N, C-alpha and C. Protein backbone atom coordinates (compact mmCIF):
# COMPACT_ATOMS: atom_id res chain seq x y z
N MET A 1 0.84 -1.08 0.18
CA MET A 1 0.03 -0.02 0.07
C MET A 1 0.97 1.01 0.06
N ASP A 2 0.55 2.00 -0.69
CA ASP A 2 1.51 3.45 -0.95
C ASP A 2 0.94 4.40 0.17
N PHE A 3 1.88 5.41 0.20
CA PHE A 3 1.71 6.51 1.47
C PHE A 3 0.08 7.10 1.35
N GLN A 4 -0.21 7.64 -0.11
CA GLN A 4 -1.43 8.22 -0.12
C GLN A 4 -2.70 7.35 0.31
N SER A 5 -2.65 5.92 -0.22
CA SER A 5 -3.61 5.18 -0.06
C SER A 5 -3.94 5.11 1.54
N MET A 6 -2.55 5.14 2.53
CA MET A 6 -2.53 4.93 3.93
C MET A 6 -3.18 6.29 4.49
N ASN A 7 -2.89 7.28 3.87
CA ASN A 7 -3.53 8.67 4.71
C ASN A 7 -4.94 8.60 4.25
N GLN A 8 -5.23 8.00 3.36
CA GLN A 8 -6.91 8.10 2.88
C GLN A 8 -7.59 6.91 3.96
N ILE A 9 -6.82 5.97 4.16
CA ILE A 9 -7.51 5.04 5.23
C ILE A 9 -7.18 5.85 6.60
N ASP A 10 -6.47 6.50 6.87
CA ASP A 10 -6.38 7.16 8.37
C ASP A 10 -7.38 8.19 8.56
N SER A 11 -7.30 8.87 7.19
CA SER A 11 -8.81 10.25 7.18
C SER A 11 -9.77 9.56 7.48
N LYS A 12 -10.32 8.42 6.86
CA LYS A 12 -11.54 7.90 6.72
C LYS A 12 -11.77 7.40 8.32
N GLU A 13 -10.79 6.91 8.70
CA GLU A 13 -11.07 6.38 10.13
C GLU A 13 -11.07 7.31 10.83
N VAL A 14 -10.43 8.51 10.85
CA VAL A 14 -10.95 9.80 11.61
C VAL A 14 -12.76 10.12 11.74
N ILE A 15 -13.16 9.98 10.57
CA ILE A 15 -14.52 10.45 10.30
C ILE A 15 -15.22 9.32 10.97
N ARG A 16 -14.74 7.94 10.34
CA ARG A 16 -15.71 6.63 10.85
C ARG A 16 -15.92 6.86 12.41
N ARG A 17 -14.61 7.23 13.20
CA ARG A 17 -14.53 7.28 14.52
C ARG A 17 -15.64 8.60 15.22
N MET A 18 -15.25 9.63 14.29
CA MET A 18 -16.25 10.83 14.84
C MET A 18 -17.54 10.31 14.73
N VAL A 19 -17.76 10.00 13.50
CA VAL A 19 -19.35 9.68 13.44
C VAL A 19 -20.28 8.59 14.60
N ALA A 20 -19.31 7.50 14.47
CA ALA A 20 -19.57 6.62 15.94
C ALA A 20 -19.47 7.37 17.05
N ALA A 21 -19.02 8.13 17.42
CA ALA A 21 -18.97 9.02 18.49
C ALA A 21 -20.11 9.92 18.61
N LEU A 22 -20.45 10.69 17.24
CA LEU A 22 -21.72 11.69 17.45
C LEU A 22 -23.30 10.46 17.45
N ASN A 23 -23.02 9.67 16.69
CA ASN A 23 -23.74 8.42 16.86
C ASN A 23 -24.37 8.06 18.49
N GLU A 24 -23.39 8.18 19.42
CA GLU A 24 -23.71 7.74 20.65
C GLU A 24 -23.50 8.91 21.59
N HIS A 25 -23.89 9.97 20.90
CA HIS A 25 -24.24 11.57 21.10
C HIS A 25 -23.44 12.12 22.15
N VAL A 26 -22.04 11.85 22.00
CA VAL A 26 -20.77 12.30 22.39
C VAL A 26 -20.75 13.77 22.28
N ILE A 27 -20.83 14.78 23.11
CA ILE A 27 -20.44 16.31 22.47
C ILE A 27 -18.87 16.19 23.24
N GLU A 28 -19.18 16.41 24.54
CA GLU A 28 -17.73 16.50 25.69
C GLU A 28 -16.69 15.11 24.90
N GLY A 29 -15.66 15.65 24.48
CA GLY A 29 -14.74 14.71 24.33
C GLY A 29 -14.66 14.61 22.45
N GLN A 30 -15.23 15.54 21.70
CA GLN A 30 -15.13 15.62 20.12
C GLN A 30 -13.70 16.09 20.11
N GLU A 31 -12.98 16.87 20.75
CA GLU A 31 -11.82 17.36 20.50
C GLU A 31 -10.81 16.06 20.22
N ALA A 32 -10.70 14.91 20.35
CA ALA A 32 -10.11 14.28 19.99
C ALA A 32 -10.14 13.88 18.37
N PHE A 33 -11.61 14.53 17.84
CA PHE A 33 -11.31 14.21 16.28
C PHE A 33 -11.29 15.70 15.97
N TRP A 34 -11.52 16.65 16.49
CA TRP A 34 -11.68 18.14 15.87
C TRP A 34 -10.48 18.97 16.49
N GLN A 35 -9.87 19.68 15.83
CA GLN A 35 -9.00 20.76 16.08
C GLN A 35 -9.78 21.65 16.52
N GLU A 36 -9.55 22.57 17.69
CA GLU A 36 -9.99 23.77 18.62
C GLU A 36 -10.42 24.61 17.19
N GLY A 37 -9.61 24.89 16.57
CA GLY A 37 -10.02 26.09 15.64
C GLY A 37 -10.66 25.43 14.19
N ALA A 38 -11.39 24.45 14.11
CA ALA A 38 -11.79 24.01 13.11
C ALA A 38 -13.19 24.69 13.10
N SER A 39 -13.35 24.79 11.62
CA SER A 39 -14.57 25.46 11.05
C SER A 39 -15.67 24.66 10.56
N TRP A 40 -16.75 24.90 10.64
CA TRP A 40 -17.68 24.10 10.55
C TRP A 40 -18.65 24.95 9.50
N ASN A 41 -18.95 24.52 8.41
CA ASN A 41 -19.47 25.53 7.28
C ASN A 41 -20.78 25.15 7.08
N GLY A 42 -21.85 25.29 7.70
CA GLY A 42 -23.40 24.61 7.44
C GLY A 42 -24.13 25.43 6.28
N PRO A 43 -25.00 24.78 6.18
CA PRO A 43 -26.06 25.30 5.01
C PRO A 43 -26.54 26.79 5.49
N ALA A 44 -27.40 27.43 4.53
CA ALA A 44 -28.03 28.55 5.00
C ALA A 44 -28.87 28.42 5.83
N GLY A 45 -29.37 28.97 7.07
CA GLY A 45 -30.12 28.95 8.10
C GLY A 45 -29.42 28.22 9.32
N ALA A 46 -28.23 27.54 9.24
CA ALA A 46 -27.34 26.82 10.04
C ALA A 46 -25.94 27.91 10.34
N GLY A 47 -25.35 28.48 9.19
CA GLY A 47 -24.43 29.18 9.53
C GLY A 47 -22.92 28.56 9.54
N VAL A 48 -21.91 29.37 10.23
CA VAL A 48 -20.65 29.21 10.42
C VAL A 48 -20.56 28.97 11.57
N LYS A 49 -19.72 27.85 12.17
CA LYS A 49 -19.14 27.67 13.49
C LYS A 49 -17.85 27.76 13.35
N GLU A 50 -16.96 28.67 13.83
CA GLU A 50 -15.73 28.73 13.68
C GLU A 50 -14.70 28.25 14.63
N THR A 51 -15.21 27.64 15.38
CA THR A 51 -14.17 26.68 16.53
C THR A 51 -14.96 25.48 16.77
N LEU A 52 -14.51 24.62 17.62
CA LEU A 52 -14.97 23.47 17.90
C LEU A 52 -16.06 23.66 19.06
N ARG A 53 -15.79 24.60 19.86
CA ARG A 53 -16.64 24.89 20.71
C ARG A 53 -18.19 25.73 20.50
N HIS A 54 -18.13 26.63 19.25
CA HIS A 54 -18.74 27.26 18.69
C HIS A 54 -19.73 26.03 17.91
N PHE A 55 -19.36 25.29 17.23
CA PHE A 55 -19.95 24.17 16.73
C PHE A 55 -20.58 23.40 17.85
N GLN A 56 -19.92 23.07 18.92
CA GLN A 56 -20.80 22.11 19.88
C GLN A 56 -22.02 22.59 20.43
N GLU A 57 -21.66 24.18 20.78
CA GLU A 57 -22.85 25.21 21.51
C GLU A 57 -24.00 25.49 20.14
N GLY A 58 -23.27 25.54 19.12
CA GLY A 58 -24.36 26.30 18.07
C GLY A 58 -24.68 25.45 17.23
N TRP A 59 -24.64 24.05 17.36
CA TRP A 59 -25.35 23.36 15.90
C TRP A 59 -25.49 21.89 17.14
N GLN A 60 -24.36 21.00 17.68
CA GLN A 60 -24.55 19.81 18.55
C GLN A 60 -25.92 19.81 19.61
N ARG A 61 -25.45 20.53 20.69
CA ARG A 61 -26.90 20.74 21.36
C ARG A 61 -28.19 21.00 20.97
N PRO A 62 -28.14 21.92 20.36
CA PRO A 62 -29.26 22.51 19.69
C PRO A 62 -29.94 21.27 18.87
N PHE A 63 -29.34 20.91 17.68
CA PHE A 63 -29.56 19.36 16.95
C PHE A 63 -29.96 18.18 17.67
N LEU A 64 -29.28 17.87 18.78
CA LEU A 64 -29.73 16.97 19.81
C LEU A 64 -31.22 17.15 20.53
N LYS A 65 -31.29 18.33 20.88
CA LYS A 65 -32.79 18.65 21.40
C LYS A 65 -33.50 18.70 20.42
N ALA A 66 -33.38 18.83 19.36
CA ALA A 66 -34.23 18.83 18.32
C ALA A 66 -34.49 17.14 18.08
N PHE A 67 -33.25 16.67 17.88
CA PHE A 67 -33.84 15.16 17.56
C PHE A 67 -33.11 14.17 18.32
N PRO A 68 -33.74 13.96 19.49
CA PRO A 68 -32.67 13.28 20.44
C PRO A 68 -32.38 11.72 20.52
N ASP A 69 -33.16 11.32 19.32
CA ASP A 69 -32.79 9.72 19.04
C ASP A 69 -31.97 9.67 17.63
N LYS A 70 -31.20 11.04 17.45
CA LYS A 70 -30.51 10.86 15.71
C LYS A 70 -29.66 9.79 15.68
N ARG A 71 -29.45 9.28 14.40
CA ARG A 71 -28.61 8.49 14.15
C ARG A 71 -27.99 8.94 12.85
N ALA A 72 -26.57 9.22 12.31
CA ALA A 72 -25.93 9.47 11.57
C ALA A 72 -26.01 8.12 10.67
N ASN A 73 -26.21 7.93 9.37
CA ASN A 73 -26.31 6.96 8.37
C ASN A 73 -25.39 7.18 7.41
N ASP A 74 -24.14 7.07 7.36
CA ASP A 74 -23.05 7.61 5.91
C ASP A 74 -23.43 6.27 5.21
N GLU A 75 -23.82 6.78 3.97
CA GLU A 75 -24.04 5.55 2.63
C GLU A 75 -23.06 5.35 1.78
N VAL A 76 -22.38 6.39 1.77
CA VAL A 76 -21.11 6.85 0.66
C VAL A 76 -20.03 7.20 1.63
N VAL A 77 -19.03 6.96 1.40
CA VAL A 77 -17.81 7.65 1.83
C VAL A 77 -16.41 7.43 0.84
N ILE A 78 -16.17 8.96 0.47
CA ILE A 78 -14.94 8.73 -0.40
C ILE A 78 -13.95 9.51 0.21
N ALA A 79 -12.36 9.46 0.16
CA ALA A 79 -11.19 9.89 0.41
C ALA A 79 -10.28 10.40 -0.59
N GLU A 80 -10.02 11.77 -0.69
CA GLU A 80 -8.84 12.13 -1.87
C GLU A 80 -8.30 13.05 -1.14
N GLY A 81 -6.93 12.14 -0.75
CA GLY A 81 -5.87 13.15 -0.19
C GLY A 81 -6.37 13.30 1.18
N ASP A 82 -6.48 14.79 1.77
CA ASP A 82 -6.65 15.31 2.75
C ASP A 82 -7.97 15.49 3.14
N TRP A 83 -8.88 14.79 1.94
CA TRP A 83 -10.63 15.08 2.10
C TRP A 83 -10.98 13.95 2.23
N VAL A 84 -12.40 13.88 2.90
CA VAL A 84 -12.94 13.11 3.16
C VAL A 84 -14.66 13.24 3.22
N ALA A 85 -15.31 12.46 2.19
CA ALA A 85 -16.73 13.16 1.89
C ALA A 85 -17.71 11.88 2.13
N ALA A 86 -18.69 12.53 2.77
CA ALA A 86 -19.85 11.33 3.26
C ALA A 86 -20.98 12.06 2.80
N MET A 87 -22.12 10.80 2.10
CA MET A 87 -23.14 11.10 1.73
C MET A 87 -24.46 10.13 2.62
N GLY A 88 -25.67 10.85 3.25
CA GLY A 88 -26.22 10.09 3.69
C GLY A 88 -27.60 10.57 4.49
N HIS A 89 -27.55 10.03 5.39
CA HIS A 89 -29.40 10.45 6.01
C HIS A 89 -28.89 10.28 7.62
N VAL A 90 -29.69 11.26 8.00
CA VAL A 90 -30.09 11.19 9.54
C VAL A 90 -31.28 10.84 9.73
N SER A 91 -31.54 9.47 10.75
CA SER A 91 -32.67 9.08 10.91
C SER A 91 -33.08 9.94 11.91
N ALA A 92 -34.22 10.30 12.50
CA ALA A 92 -34.49 10.79 14.07
C ALA A 92 -35.88 11.05 14.13
N THR A 93 -36.67 11.50 15.35
CA THR A 93 -37.83 11.65 15.77
C THR A 93 -37.43 13.39 15.60
N HIS A 94 -38.53 14.14 14.89
CA HIS A 94 -38.54 15.49 15.64
C HIS A 94 -39.37 16.08 16.35
N ASP A 95 -38.58 16.08 17.56
CA ASP A 95 -39.03 16.14 19.26
C ASP A 95 -39.09 17.58 19.92
N GLY A 96 -38.04 18.21 19.24
CA GLY A 96 -37.61 19.65 18.99
C GLY A 96 -37.80 20.79 18.21
N GLU A 97 -37.54 22.22 18.64
CA GLU A 97 -37.51 23.15 17.48
C GLU A 97 -36.32 22.94 16.98
N PHE A 98 -36.40 23.03 15.41
CA PHE A 98 -35.16 22.99 14.30
C PHE A 98 -35.53 23.84 13.16
N LEU A 99 -34.43 24.85 13.44
CA LEU A 99 -34.97 26.17 12.29
C LEU A 99 -36.01 26.68 12.33
N GLY A 100 -36.76 26.73 13.47
CA GLY A 100 -37.96 27.39 13.25
C GLY A 100 -39.08 26.74 13.57
N ALA A 101 -38.90 25.41 13.34
CA ALA A 101 -40.07 24.41 13.13
C ALA A 101 -40.07 23.59 14.62
N GLN A 102 -41.13 23.93 15.27
CA GLN A 102 -41.27 23.13 16.70
C GLN A 102 -41.34 21.95 16.40
N GLY A 103 -41.01 20.99 17.65
CA GLY A 103 -41.27 19.46 17.60
C GLY A 103 -42.47 19.04 17.12
N THR A 104 -42.75 18.01 16.27
CA THR A 104 -43.62 17.24 15.67
C THR A 104 -44.31 15.93 16.01
N GLY A 105 -42.69 15.33 16.62
CA GLY A 105 -42.86 13.92 17.11
C GLY A 105 -43.01 13.13 15.72
N LYS A 106 -42.50 13.27 14.45
CA LYS A 106 -42.73 12.87 13.08
C LYS A 106 -41.38 12.13 13.17
N PRO A 107 -41.03 11.04 12.45
CA PRO A 107 -39.95 10.60 12.44
C PRO A 107 -39.74 11.32 10.95
N ILE A 108 -37.97 11.47 10.61
CA ILE A 108 -37.66 11.93 9.63
C ILE A 108 -36.48 11.40 9.23
N ARG A 109 -35.95 11.95 8.08
CA ARG A 109 -34.66 11.40 7.25
C ARG A 109 -34.00 12.57 6.63
N LEU A 110 -33.17 13.02 7.25
CA LEU A 110 -32.39 14.04 6.67
C LEU A 110 -31.34 13.91 5.95
N LYS A 111 -31.39 14.37 4.61
CA LYS A 111 -30.20 13.56 3.80
C LYS A 111 -29.44 15.01 4.09
N TYR A 112 -28.10 14.61 3.77
CA TYR A 112 -26.82 15.14 4.02
C TYR A 112 -25.63 14.69 3.18
N MET A 113 -24.74 15.92 3.00
CA MET A 113 -23.29 15.54 2.45
C MET A 113 -22.20 16.59 3.24
N ASP A 114 -21.32 16.07 3.55
CA ASP A 114 -20.39 16.46 4.50
C ASP A 114 -19.21 16.45 3.89
N PHE A 115 -17.95 17.31 3.87
CA PHE A 115 -16.77 16.96 3.17
C PHE A 115 -15.92 17.76 4.70
N TRP A 116 -15.02 17.00 4.86
CA TRP A 116 -14.32 17.23 5.98
C TRP A 116 -12.71 17.57 5.47
N ARG A 117 -11.97 18.29 5.94
CA ARG A 117 -10.24 18.46 5.56
C ARG A 117 -9.85 17.93 6.75
N ILE A 118 -9.00 17.05 6.43
CA ILE A 118 -8.31 16.30 8.22
C ILE A 118 -6.59 16.98 7.63
N GLU A 119 -6.36 17.49 9.02
CA GLU A 119 -4.62 17.85 9.21
C GLU A 119 -4.46 17.42 10.36
N ASP A 120 -3.17 16.82 10.61
CA ASP A 120 -2.53 16.50 11.62
C ASP A 120 -3.47 15.37 12.13
N GLY A 121 -4.19 14.70 11.45
CA GLY A 121 -4.86 13.45 12.25
C GLY A 121 -6.34 13.78 12.75
N LYS A 122 -7.07 15.23 12.84
CA LYS A 122 -7.94 15.87 13.14
C LYS A 122 -8.65 16.76 11.88
N ILE A 123 -10.18 16.80 12.10
CA ILE A 123 -10.72 17.85 11.35
C ILE A 123 -10.44 19.18 11.61
N ALA A 124 -9.80 20.30 10.34
CA ALA A 124 -9.78 21.19 10.37
C ALA A 124 -10.57 22.07 9.87
N GLU A 125 -11.34 21.44 8.88
CA GLU A 125 -12.42 22.04 8.09
C GLU A 125 -13.41 20.80 8.02
N ASN A 126 -14.84 21.49 7.78
CA ASN A 126 -15.92 20.70 7.40
C ASN A 126 -16.99 21.65 6.87
N TYR A 127 -17.22 21.31 5.63
CA TYR A 127 -18.73 21.63 4.79
C TYR A 127 -19.62 20.84 4.55
N VAL A 128 -20.72 21.17 5.26
CA VAL A 128 -21.97 20.82 5.22
C VAL A 128 -23.19 21.04 4.29
N LEU A 129 -23.98 20.09 3.87
CA LEU A 129 -24.82 20.67 3.01
C LEU A 129 -26.19 19.60 3.59
N LEU A 130 -27.28 20.00 3.93
CA LEU A 130 -28.42 19.33 4.38
C LEU A 130 -29.76 19.85 3.57
N ASP A 131 -30.53 18.77 3.00
CA ASP A 131 -31.64 18.90 2.32
C ASP A 131 -32.70 19.68 3.13
N VAL A 132 -32.74 20.72 3.38
CA VAL A 132 -33.90 21.46 4.51
C VAL A 132 -35.03 21.67 4.04
N ILE A 133 -35.54 21.59 2.66
CA ILE A 133 -36.34 21.68 1.66
C ILE A 133 -37.16 20.42 2.07
N ASP A 134 -36.59 19.16 1.97
CA ASP A 134 -37.08 17.78 2.18
C ASP A 134 -37.50 17.86 3.52
N PHE A 135 -36.68 18.13 4.55
CA PHE A 135 -37.14 18.16 6.17
C PHE A 135 -38.28 18.98 6.34
N PHE A 136 -38.63 19.65 5.60
CA PHE A 136 -39.53 20.56 5.96
C PHE A 136 -40.96 20.05 5.38
N ARG A 137 -40.74 19.48 4.32
CA ARG A 137 -42.10 18.84 3.40
C ARG A 137 -42.43 17.41 4.42
N GLN A 138 -41.28 16.63 4.89
CA GLN A 138 -41.51 15.76 5.83
C GLN A 138 -42.45 16.05 7.11
N ILE A 139 -42.27 17.24 7.56
CA ILE A 139 -43.17 17.74 9.02
C ILE A 139 -44.56 18.68 8.26
N GLY A 140 -44.60 18.41 7.05
CA GLY A 140 -46.09 18.85 6.44
C GLY A 140 -46.04 20.54 6.11
N ILE A 141 -44.71 21.48 5.76
CA ILE A 141 -44.55 22.50 5.44
C ILE A 141 -43.81 22.59 4.07
N ASP A 142 -44.70 23.02 3.15
CA ASP A 142 -43.73 23.09 1.47
C ASP A 142 -43.02 24.71 1.73
N LEU A 143 -42.11 24.92 1.60
CA LEU A 143 -41.41 25.94 1.97
C LEU A 143 -41.22 26.48 0.44
N LEU A 144 -41.44 25.77 -0.85
CA LEU A 144 -41.42 26.13 -1.96
C LEU A 144 -43.07 26.79 -2.42
N GLU A 145 -44.09 26.21 -1.50
CA GLU A 145 -45.48 26.82 -1.70
C GLU A 145 -45.78 25.93 -3.09
N GLY A 146 -45.35 24.68 -3.42
CA GLY A 146 -46.05 24.28 -4.58
C GLY A 146 -45.27 24.55 -5.72
N LYS A 147 -44.15 25.35 -6.04
CA LYS A 147 -43.70 25.68 -7.15
C LYS A 147 -42.19 24.92 -7.27
N GLY A 148 -42.22 23.60 -6.57
CA GLY A 148 -40.81 22.75 -6.77
C GLY A 148 -41.22 21.99 -8.04
N TRP A 149 -39.72 21.92 -8.80
CA TRP A 149 -39.87 21.05 -9.66
C TRP A 149 -39.80 19.60 -9.74
N ASP A 150 -40.20 18.95 -8.75
CA ASP A 150 -40.21 17.49 -8.57
C ASP A 150 -40.86 16.98 -9.71
N ASP A 151 -42.18 17.39 -10.27
CA ASP A 151 -42.27 16.44 -11.47
C ASP A 151 -42.36 17.49 -12.66
N ARG A 152 -41.32 18.08 -12.75
CA ARG A 152 -40.93 19.05 -14.04
C ARG A 152 -40.40 17.84 -14.99
N GLY A 153 -40.58 17.88 -16.35
CA GLY A 153 -39.80 16.91 -17.26
C GLY A 153 -40.67 15.41 -17.24
N ARG A 154 -41.73 15.32 -16.07
CA ARG A 154 -42.25 14.06 -16.32
C ARG A 154 -43.55 14.01 -17.89
N GLU A 155 -43.76 15.11 -18.43
CA GLU A 155 -44.31 15.25 -19.21
C GLU A 155 -43.84 14.71 -20.35
N VAL A 156 -42.63 14.67 -20.58
CA VAL A 156 -42.00 14.06 -21.58
C VAL A 156 -42.11 12.73 -21.59
N LEU A 157 -42.25 11.81 -20.33
CA LEU A 157 -42.27 10.31 -20.31
C LEU A 157 -43.72 10.10 -20.51
N ASP A 158 -44.65 11.11 -20.30
CA ASP A 158 -45.90 10.74 -20.39
C ASP A 158 -46.19 10.79 -21.92
N GLU A 159 -45.65 11.26 -23.20
CA GLU A 159 -45.72 11.20 -24.35
C GLU A 159 -45.02 10.16 -24.99
N ILE A 160 -43.96 9.29 -24.03
CA ILE A 160 -43.33 8.12 -24.87
C ILE A 160 -44.47 6.94 -24.63
């Protein structure tokens, strides 16, 4: 195995262990995986968390309050150099306030993509995309007010 492949395995292992800890709802102790100055760059509405502590207080704790039984399910994990990417979904019950929506008690699947840059064996940067529009649909709120493109293009299939 060449050195670059070994780095990819190591980087993926950092992420695998971090996700396992998050699935155990570990907040204190994340410094084992994150550099103190690591930035978490969330989607619109979630913002940028400029340090590990900011991430813990501004995302992790409120997220667990909204989804106390949350579990991340990475479906695809890819590594390239210092970067690791994952695509998957969070399975959870919407029990508390999330992005202004009060808890509904409904089960949800929140789709995500994460991109992490690993430096010295820890996360230095994280970019996160969440399918917020789909989350709101699952709890009965259409943010697009019926103007989504979900069915656009189907008329072509109807003609065939």
